[in-house]
Amino acid sequence: MSGETPFGPLQGLRVVEMGQLLAGPFVGSRCADFGAEVLKIEAPGSGDPIRNWGRLQHEGKTLWWPIMARNKKSVSINLRKEEGQDLARKLIAEADVLIENFKPGTLEKWGMSPAQLHALNRGLVIVRVSGFGQTGPYAERPGFASVGEAMSGMRYINGYPDMPPPRYGISLGDTLTALFAFEGMMMALYRRDRNGGRGQVVDAAITESCFAMLESTVTEYSKAGAIRQPSGTGIAKIAPSNIYPAKDGTYIVIAANVDSMFRRLTQAMGQTHLADDPRFVTHIARGDHADQLDSMVAEWSSSLEMPELKARLEEFGVVYGPINSIAQVVDDPHFRERGMVREHHDDDFGTISIPGVFPVLSETPGDVAWLGPQEIGAHNAEIYSRIGLDQGEIANLKTRGVI
């Protein structure tokens, strides 16, 4: 059974997480990985759907759960009941942070608007994660990562010009939003602790998080009327920076679009004359002749097996990286030494490879103490006794479906 987390810079921070699936809970995961006490509120009987998410399982247990629930404590509350809402308020009254990713207006419907919660707990930082934000014409729409990626402009520039824009193989919009929300939470806590203890609301939207990643596309459109288009495996007018085949049919990314790096690549290729070719001598020229240059690089790379190709690029200091499957990532010694992939022993999963905790802090690094309780409400007794309930009262609440 899990205990406390004696590690990380967020020791002593108390977080209440209300929400499910990915974006909101991933904010809680960032907190938990760095030592905060995260109370994950789940509906009794059903819990977070992530408990049953995905087709791949280990002995009937989903392999998503240990990623999203690790280091957290499970507390069951039926938030649709007034008694459940009262219990939640008691927990929130003692918390530093509340994380929620319900449809906007849900907290207000339950009598837990920011104003009501701040009257109860002046220092509370309320992190609200949603598809479109708490205000605006689309605020009340439900939103998932795929929709946020599409509407923000992110999906439009992905893929190939002559094909429908594909989705990413992960819920990128959810994790991006969680990272922005976590960033906002930390800024709000810093401000609170330097400004007389007053909390505030962090309003994080999936659409806006994806939109924030679009680099210069807005200014390009504003001042040049340019609408960036999908460009396949590379970026338009940036060369050479693409994926290139090795002789064995695998692929490698080579990024040598900077003048000095391109010169190194020509040395690795044994074709140093290309560095002084008028078509390729500058960043602009290489962009204008990207198709020709990519063909030349691909012709060279495809003549070498991957180990020899990597050795040549390494020798001349060219930026490169093979396109790895997860099997290759897990076996990579660099990922292992850096703790990006680590082995963890758990009573439910046995020895299992898990992602490490990032970024790495020199003095107060994060860690993984446990992989999340399998029982919904596993920490009810511990947490509810903290707010003054005895075992009989806890049992009565469970019998009546409140917890």
Protein backbone atom coordinates (compact mmCIF):
# COMPACT_ATOMS: atom_id res chain seq x y z
CA MET A 1 0.00 0.00 0.00
CA SER A 2 1.20 3.48 -0.76
CA GLY A 3 2.51 5.85 1.87
CA GLU A 4 3.96 9.35 1.75
CA THR A 5 6.30 10.64 -0.93
CA PRO A 6 9.53 11.80 0.77
CA PHE A 7 10.97 13.33 -2.36
CA GLY A 8 10.63 16.22 -4.74
CA PRO A 9 10.33 20.01 -4.42
CA LEU A 10 6.54 19.91 -3.91
CA GLN A 11 6.58 18.03 -0.60
CA GLY A 12 3.91 19.54 1.63
CA LEU A 13 1.77 20.74 -1.27
CA ARG A 14 -1.75 19.35 -0.98
CA VAL A 15 -3.67 18.87 -4.25
CA VAL A 16 -7.25 17.76 -4.83
CA GLU A 17 -7.77 16.32 -8.32
CA MET A 18 -11.34 16.18 -9.63
CA GLY A 19 -11.58 14.99 -13.20
CA GLN A 20 -10.91 12.02 -15.39
CA LEU A 21 -9.06 10.62 -18.38
CA LEU A 22 -6.08 12.63 -19.55
CA ALA A 23 -5.69 16.40 -19.46
CA GLY A 24 -6.75 17.18 -15.89
CA PRO A 25 -5.28 14.05 -14.30
CA PHE A 26 -1.97 14.62 -16.10
CA VAL A 27 -1.65 17.93 -14.23
CA GLY A 28 -2.10 15.94 -11.03
CA SER A 29 0.53 13.47 -12.24
CA ARG A 30 3.08 16.27 -12.62
CA CYS A 31 2.34 17.33 -9.04
CA ALA A 32 2.51 13.78 -7.66
CA ASP A 33 5.74 12.92 -9.46
CA PHE A 34 7.43 15.83 -7.70
CA GLY A 35 6.26 15.04 -4.20
CA ALA A 36 2.86 16.70 -3.73
CA GLU A 37 0.10 14.80 -1.94
CA VAL A 38 -2.54 14.35 -4.66
CA LEU A 39 -6.01 13.24 -3.56
CA LYS A 40 -7.68 11.81 -6.64
CA ILE A 41 -11.45 12.03 -6.20
CA GLU A 42 -13.27 9.24 -8.02
CA ALA A 43 -16.90 8.25 -8.34
CA PRO A 44 -17.65 5.24 -6.10
CA GLY A 45 -18.15 2.04 -8.04
CA SER A 46 -16.90 3.30 -11.40
CA GLY A 47 -13.87 5.51 -10.80
CA ASP A 48 -11.87 7.24 -13.49
CA PRO A 49 -12.51 5.60 -16.90
CA ILE A 50 -8.74 5.45 -17.36
CA ARG A 51 -8.87 2.45 -14.99
CA ASN A 52 -10.32 0.46 -17.89
CA TRP A 53 -8.83 2.38 -20.82
CA GLY A 54 -7.06 0.67 -23.69
CA ARG A 55 -7.19 -2.83 -25.11
CA LEU A 56 -3.90 -4.07 -23.67
CA GLN A 57 -4.03 -5.28 -20.09
CA HIS A 58 -1.96 -7.25 -17.61
CA GLU A 59 -4.00 -9.86 -15.74
CA GLY A 60 -7.13 -7.79 -16.19
CA LYS A 61 -5.50 -4.50 -15.21
CA THR A 62 -5.14 -1.70 -17.74
CA LEU A 63 -1.64 -0.52 -18.58
CA TRP A 64 -2.83 3.12 -18.70
CA TRP A 65 -3.60 3.28 -14.97
CA PRO A 66 -0.02 3.13 -13.63
CA ILE A 67 0.90 6.08 -15.87
CA MET A 68 -1.94 8.38 -14.79
CA ALA A 69 -2.41 7.29 -11.16
CA ARG A 70 1.09 6.75 -9.85
CA ASN A 71 1.92 8.47 -6.55
CA LYS A 72 -1.74 9.52 -6.09
CA LYS A 73 -4.21 8.64 -3.33
CA SER A 74 -7.70 7.49 -4.32
CA VAL A 75 -10.65 8.99 -2.44
CA SER A 76 -14.19 8.08 -3.50
CA ILE A 77 -16.91 10.75 -3.51
CA ASN A 78 -20.24 10.90 -5.33
CA LEU A 79 -20.12 14.53 -6.41
CA ARG A 80 -23.71 14.39 -7.64
CA LYS A 81 -24.94 14.11 -4.06
CA GLU A 82 -25.04 17.13 -1.76
CA GLU A 83 -23.29 15.16 0.98
CA GLY A 84 -20.55 14.31 -1.49
CA GLN A 85 -20.18 17.95 -2.43
CA ASP A 86 -19.91 18.84 1.26
CA LEU A 87 -17.14 16.27 1.69
CA ALA A 88 -15.30 17.65 -1.33
CA ARG A 89 -15.51 21.16 0.10
CA LYS A 90 -13.97 19.94 3.36
CA LEU A 91 -11.03 18.45 1.49
CA ILE A 92 -10.66 21.55 -0.68
CA ALA A 93 -10.69 23.77 2.41
CA GLU A 94 -7.36 22.21 3.43
CA ALA A 95 -5.82 22.10 -0.05
CA ASP A 96 -3.37 24.33 -1.89
CA VAL A 97 -4.62 23.37 -5.34
CA LEU A 98 -7.82 22.09 -6.93
CA ILE A 99 -7.55 20.55 -10.40
CA GLU A 100 -10.73 19.95 -12.40
CA ASN A 101 -11.50 19.19 -16.03
CA PHE A 102 -15.29 19.03 -16.02
CA LYS A 103 -17.41 20.80 -18.60
CA PRO A 104 -17.41 24.53 -17.74
CA GLY A 105 -20.25 25.36 -15.36
CA THR A 106 -20.19 22.01 -13.56
CA LEU A 107 -18.41 23.28 -10.46
CA GLU A 108 -20.81 26.22 -10.32
CA LYS A 109 -23.77 23.83 -10.54
CA TRP A 110 -22.39 21.98 -7.52
CA GLY A 111 -22.00 25.14 -5.47
CA MET A 112 -18.23 25.22 -5.90
CA SER A 113 -17.67 28.28 -8.05
CA PRO A 114 -14.26 29.98 -7.71
CA ALA A 115 -15.84 32.74 -5.62
CA GLN A 116 -17.46 30.20 -3.27
CA LEU A 117 -14.27 28.17 -2.96
CA HIS A 118 -12.12 31.23 -2.34
CA ALA A 119 -14.52 32.29 0.42
CA LEU A 120 -13.78 28.89 1.96
CA ASN A 121 -10.04 28.84 1.19
CA ARG A 122 -8.51 32.20 0.27
CA GLY A 123 -5.19 30.72 -0.85
CA LEU A 124 -6.62 28.04 -3.15
CA VAL A 125 -5.25 27.85 -6.69
CA ILE A 126 -7.99 26.49 -8.95
CA VAL A 127 -6.74 24.83 -12.14
CA ARG A 128 -9.53 24.50 -14.69
CA VAL A 129 -8.85 22.43 -17.80
CA SER A 130 -11.34 22.33 -20.67
CA GLY A 131 -11.64 22.12 -24.42
CA PHE A 132 -12.23 25.81 -25.13
CA GLY A 133 -11.74 27.67 -21.86
CA GLN A 134 -14.17 28.97 -19.25
CA THR A 135 -15.40 31.89 -21.39
CA GLY A 136 -16.12 32.59 -25.05
CA PRO A 137 -18.70 31.39 -27.58
CA TYR A 138 -17.49 27.77 -27.45
CA ALA A 139 -16.98 27.50 -23.69
CA GLU A 140 -19.90 25.16 -23.06
CA ARG A 141 -18.96 22.71 -25.80
CA PRO A 142 -17.35 19.44 -24.73
CA GLY A 143 -13.85 19.18 -26.14
CA PHE A 144 -11.26 16.45 -26.66
CA ALA A 145 -7.63 16.67 -27.74
CA SER A 146 -8.39 15.72 -31.33
CA VAL A 147 -10.84 18.62 -31.69
CA GLY A 148 -8.47 21.09 -30.05
CA GLU A 149 -5.67 20.02 -32.36
CA ALA A 150 -7.95 20.47 -35.36
CA MET A 151 -9.50 23.82 -34.48
CA SER A 152 -6.25 25.42 -33.29
CA GLY A 153 -4.57 25.06 -36.69
CA MET A 154 -2.15 22.40 -35.46
CA ARG A 155 -3.69 19.54 -37.39
CA TYR A 156 -3.91 21.59 -40.61
CA ILE A 157 -0.13 21.75 -41.04
CA ASN A 158 0.41 18.08 -40.23
CA GLY A 159 0.82 15.44 -42.92
CA TYR A 160 1.07 15.75 -46.69
CA PRO A 161 -0.43 18.41 -49.01
CA ASP A 162 -2.46 15.92 -51.02
CA MET A 163 -3.89 13.93 -48.11
CA PRO A 164 -6.33 14.57 -45.24
CA PRO A 165 -4.45 15.80 -42.14
CA PRO A 166 -3.68 12.77 -39.96
CA ARG A 167 -3.90 12.73 -36.18
CA TYR A 168 -0.94 12.13 -33.91
CA GLY A 169 -0.50 8.70 -32.37
CA ILE A 170 -0.97 10.17 -28.89
CA SER A 171 -3.42 12.63 -27.32
CA LEU A 172 -0.98 15.48 -27.81
CA GLY A 173 -3.50 18.23 -27.09
CA ASP A 174 -4.27 16.77 -23.67
CA THR A 175 -0.68 16.52 -22.50
CA LEU A 176 0.22 19.94 -23.92
CA THR A 177 -2.69 21.48 -22.03
CA ALA A 178 -1.69 19.72 -18.84
CA LEU A 179 1.83 21.09 -19.11
CA PHE A 180 0.56 24.64 -19.65
CA ALA A 181 -1.88 24.18 -16.76
CA PHE A 182 0.91 22.94 -14.50
CA GLU A 183 3.02 25.92 -15.52
CA GLY A 184 0.13 28.26 -14.69
CA MET A 185 -0.40 26.51 -11.37
CA MET A 186 3.22 26.99 -10.34
CA MET A 187 3.12 30.67 -11.31
CA ALA A 188 -0.10 31.14 -9.34
CA LEU A 189 1.41 29.45 -6.28
CA TYR A 190 4.51 31.65 -6.53
CA ARG A 191 2.33 34.75 -6.76
CA ARG A 192 0.16 33.59 -3.85
CA ASP A 193 3.14 33.05 -1.60
CA ARG A 194 4.55 36.50 -2.41
CA ASN A 195 1.25 38.38 -2.38
CA GLY A 196 -0.39 37.77 0.97
CA GLY A 197 -1.67 34.26 0.39
CA ARG A 198 -4.34 34.93 -2.21
CA GLY A 199 -5.08 32.22 -4.79
CA GLN A 200 -6.45 32.58 -8.31
CA VAL A 201 -7.90 30.62 -11.23
CA VAL A 202 -5.76 29.03 -13.94
CA ASP A 203 -7.90 28.68 -17.10
CA ALA A 204 -6.21 26.19 -19.48
CA ALA A 205 -7.87 25.26 -22.80
CA ILE A 206 -6.87 22.51 -25.22
CA THR A 207 -7.43 24.72 -28.27
CA GLU A 208 -5.23 27.48 -26.88
CA SER A 209 -2.48 25.12 -25.78
CA CYS A 210 -2.23 23.69 -29.29
CA PHE A 211 -2.45 27.18 -30.81
CA ALA A 212 0.45 28.33 -28.62
CA MET A 213 2.75 25.81 -30.34
CA LEU A 214 2.31 27.17 -33.88
CA GLU A 215 5.53 29.19 -33.92
CA SER A 216 5.51 31.96 -36.56
CA THR A 217 2.37 30.93 -38.43
CA VAL A 218 0.26 33.83 -37.09
CA THR A 219 2.79 36.55 -37.90
CA GLU A 220 3.47 34.98 -41.32
CA TYR A 221 -0.22 35.22 -42.10
CA SER A 222 -0.61 38.69 -40.58
CA LYS A 223 2.24 40.41 -42.44
CA ALA A 224 2.84 38.22 -45.49
CA GLY A 225 -0.59 36.68 -46.09
CA ALA A 226 1.02 33.24 -46.01
CA ILE A 227 -0.92 30.21 -44.83
CA ARG A 228 1.53 27.51 -43.88
CA GLN A 229 0.68 24.21 -45.53
CA PRO A 230 1.43 20.61 -44.57
CA SER A 231 4.87 19.62 -45.81
CA GLY A 232 5.14 15.89 -45.29
CA THR A 233 8.19 14.61 -43.47
CA GLY A 234 10.07 17.93 -43.53
CA ILE A 235 9.35 21.64 -43.22
CA ALA A 236 8.91 23.77 -46.33
CA LYS A 237 12.00 25.80 -47.28
CA ILE A 238 14.15 24.19 -44.56
CA ALA A 239 16.80 21.83 -45.93
CA PRO A 240 18.29 19.46 -45.34
CA SER A 241 16.07 18.62 -42.38
CA ASN A 242 14.04 15.53 -43.09
CA ILE A 243 13.90 11.78 -42.73
CA TYR A 244 16.23 9.77 -44.96
CA PRO A 245 16.39 6.03 -45.65
CA ALA A 246 19.22 3.72 -44.68
CA LYS A 247 20.16 0.73 -46.81
CA ASP A 248 18.30 -1.66 -44.51
CA GLY A 249 14.96 0.15 -44.99
CA THR A 250 14.98 2.02 -41.68
CA TYR A 251 14.86 5.81 -41.44
CA ILE A 252 16.91 8.49 -39.77
CA VAL A 253 16.35 12.19 -39.13
CA ILE A 254 19.20 14.40 -40.31
CA ALA A 255 18.97 18.08 -39.38
CA ALA A 256 21.74 20.03 -41.14
CA ASN A 257 19.99 23.17 -42.32
CA VAL A 258 22.39 25.57 -40.54
CA ASP A 259 25.34 26.58 -42.76
CA SER A 260 28.06 25.12 -40.52
CA MET A 261 26.11 21.91 -39.97
CA PHE A 262 25.49 21.52 -43.70
CA ARG A 263 29.20 21.80 -44.35
CA ARG A 264 29.81 18.99 -41.86
CA LEU A 265 27.18 16.87 -43.61
CA THR A 266 28.93 17.33 -46.97
CA GLN A 267 32.12 16.09 -45.31
CA ALA A 268 30.31 13.03 -43.95
CA MET A 269 28.93 12.42 -47.44
CA GLY A 270 32.34 12.82 -49.04
CA GLN A 271 30.84 15.53 -51.25
CA THR A 272 32.38 18.72 -49.85
CA HIS A 273 31.84 20.58 -53.12
CA LEU A 274 28.12 20.81 -52.29
CA ALA A 275 28.87 23.28 -49.50
CA ASP A 276 30.03 25.83 -52.08
CA ASP A 277 27.42 25.01 -54.72
CA PRO A 278 25.39 28.21 -55.39
CA ARG A 279 22.19 26.17 -55.01
CA PHE A 280 23.11 25.19 -51.46
CA VAL A 281 25.54 27.78 -50.13
CA THR A 282 23.02 29.59 -47.91
CA HIS A 283 20.00 28.70 -45.80
CA ILE A 284 17.72 30.49 -48.29
CA ALA A 285 19.30 28.81 -51.32
CA ARG A 286 19.00 25.37 -49.77
CA GLY A 287 15.34 26.03 -49.01
CA ASP A 288 14.72 27.01 -52.63
CA HIS A 289 16.32 23.78 -53.84
CA ALA A 290 15.12 21.51 -51.03
CA ASP A 291 13.79 18.74 -53.28
CA GLN A 292 17.10 18.41 -55.14
CA LEU A 293 19.11 18.47 -51.94
CA ASP A 294 16.88 15.96 -50.14
CA SER A 295 17.26 13.59 -53.10
CA MET A 296 21.04 13.84 -52.92
CA VAL A 297 21.12 13.21 -49.20
CA ALA A 298 18.70 10.29 -49.55
CA GLU A 299 20.78 8.74 -52.33
CA TRP A 300 23.83 8.85 -50.06
CA SER A 301 22.08 7.66 -46.89
CA SER A 302 20.43 4.73 -48.66
CA SER A 303 23.85 3.41 -49.67
CA LEU A 304 24.78 2.75 -46.03
CA GLU A 305 23.49 0.36 -43.39
CA MET A 306 22.14 2.19 -40.33
CA PRO A 307 25.14 1.49 -38.04
CA GLU A 308 27.59 2.84 -40.64
CA LEU A 309 25.33 5.80 -41.43
CA LYS A 310 25.14 6.78 -37.75
CA ALA A 311 28.91 6.37 -37.38
CA ARG A 312 29.60 8.72 -40.30
CA LEU A 313 27.26 11.38 -38.98
CA GLU A 314 28.70 10.99 -35.48
CA GLU A 315 32.25 11.33 -36.79
CA PHE A 316 31.54 14.71 -38.37
CA GLY A 317 29.29 16.07 -35.64
CA VAL A 318 26.08 16.15 -37.68
CA VAL A 319 22.76 16.34 -35.81
CA TYR A 320 20.88 13.07 -36.39
CA GLY A 321 18.56 10.59 -34.75
CA PRO A 322 17.12 7.25 -35.87
CA ILE A 323 13.34 6.94 -35.86
CA ASN A 324 12.91 4.55 -32.94
CA SER A 325 10.03 2.29 -32.06
CA ILE A 326 9.16 2.06 -28.37
CA ALA A 327 11.08 -1.23 -28.25
CA GLN A 328 14.24 0.55 -29.35
CA VAL A 329 13.62 3.40 -26.90
CA VAL A 330 13.20 1.02 -23.96
CA ASP A 331 16.44 -0.77 -24.87
CA ASP A 332 18.46 2.41 -25.53
CA PRO A 333 21.30 2.79 -22.98
CA HIS A 334 21.01 6.59 -22.98
CA PHE A 335 17.35 6.47 -22.03
CA ARG A 336 18.19 3.94 -19.33
CA GLU A 337 21.11 5.86 -17.85
CA ARG A 338 19.13 9.10 -17.79
CA GLY A 339 16.26 7.36 -15.98
CA MET A 340 13.84 8.04 -18.81
CA VAL A 341 12.97 4.36 -18.76
CA ARG A 342 13.20 2.57 -15.44
CA GLU A 343 12.14 -0.69 -13.84
CA HIS A 344 9.61 -0.61 -11.01
CA HIS A 345 8.31 -3.48 -8.90
CA ASP A 346 4.62 -3.42 -8.03
CA ASP A 347 2.40 -5.99 -6.33
CA ASP A 348 -0.17 -5.78 -9.13
CA PHE A 349 2.13 -5.58 -12.17
CA GLY A 350 5.29 -7.29 -10.97
CA THR A 351 8.41 -5.78 -12.50
CA ILE A 352 7.33 -3.29 -15.13
CA SER A 353 9.12 -0.71 -17.29
CA ILE A 354 7.76 2.79 -16.70
CA PRO A 355 8.65 6.31 -17.83
CA GLY A 356 10.85 8.19 -15.39
CA VAL A 357 10.20 11.64 -13.93
CA PHE A 358 11.26 14.67 -15.95
CA PRO A 359 12.80 17.18 -15.89
CA VAL A 360 15.69 16.08 -13.70
CA LEU A 361 16.30 18.35 -10.70
CA SER A 362 19.77 18.25 -9.16
CA GLU A 363 18.73 18.70 -5.52
CA THR A 364 15.08 17.63 -5.25
CA PRO A 365 14.32 15.20 -8.08
CA GLY A 366 10.94 13.58 -8.50
CA ASP A 367 10.42 9.86 -8.11
CA VAL A 368 7.84 7.07 -8.32
CA ALA A 369 6.75 5.58 -4.99
CA TRP A 370 3.76 3.52 -6.16
CA LEU A 371 1.75 2.95 -9.33
CA GLY A 372 -1.69 3.98 -8.12
CA PRO A 373 -4.14 2.04 -5.97
CA GLN A 374 -6.25 -0.56 -7.74
CA GLU A 375 -9.12 -0.11 -5.26
CA ILE A 376 -11.38 2.91 -5.73
CA GLY A 377 -11.32 4.84 -2.47
CA ALA A 378 -8.29 2.99 -1.15
CA HIS A 379 -7.32 6.00 0.95
CA ASN A 380 -10.78 6.86 2.29
CA ALA A 381 -10.02 5.88 5.86
CA GLU A 382 -6.79 7.87 5.97
CA ILE A 383 -8.16 11.01 4.35
CA TYR A 384 -11.61 11.13 5.96
CA SER A 385 -10.20 10.56 9.44
CA ARG A 386 -8.09 13.63 8.79
CA ILE A 387 -11.23 15.76 8.56
CA GLY A 388 -12.72 14.27 11.71
CA LEU A 389 -14.80 11.29 10.55
CA ASP A 390 -14.62 8.08 12.55
CA GLN A 391 -14.79 4.57 11.09
CA GLY A 392 -18.53 4.27 11.74
CA GLU A 393 -19.28 7.50 9.89
CA ILE A 394 -17.07 6.45 6.98
CA ALA A 395 -18.85 3.07 6.79
CA ASN A 396 -22.25 4.79 6.87
CA LEU A 397 -21.30 7.13 4.01
CA LYS A 398 -20.18 4.12 1.98
CA THR A 399 -23.42 2.25 2.64
CA ARG A 400 -25.43 5.23 1.41
CA GLY A 401 -23.40 5.58 -1.78
CA VAL A 402 -21.82 8.92 -0.84
CA ILE A 403 -18.31 7.51 -0.98
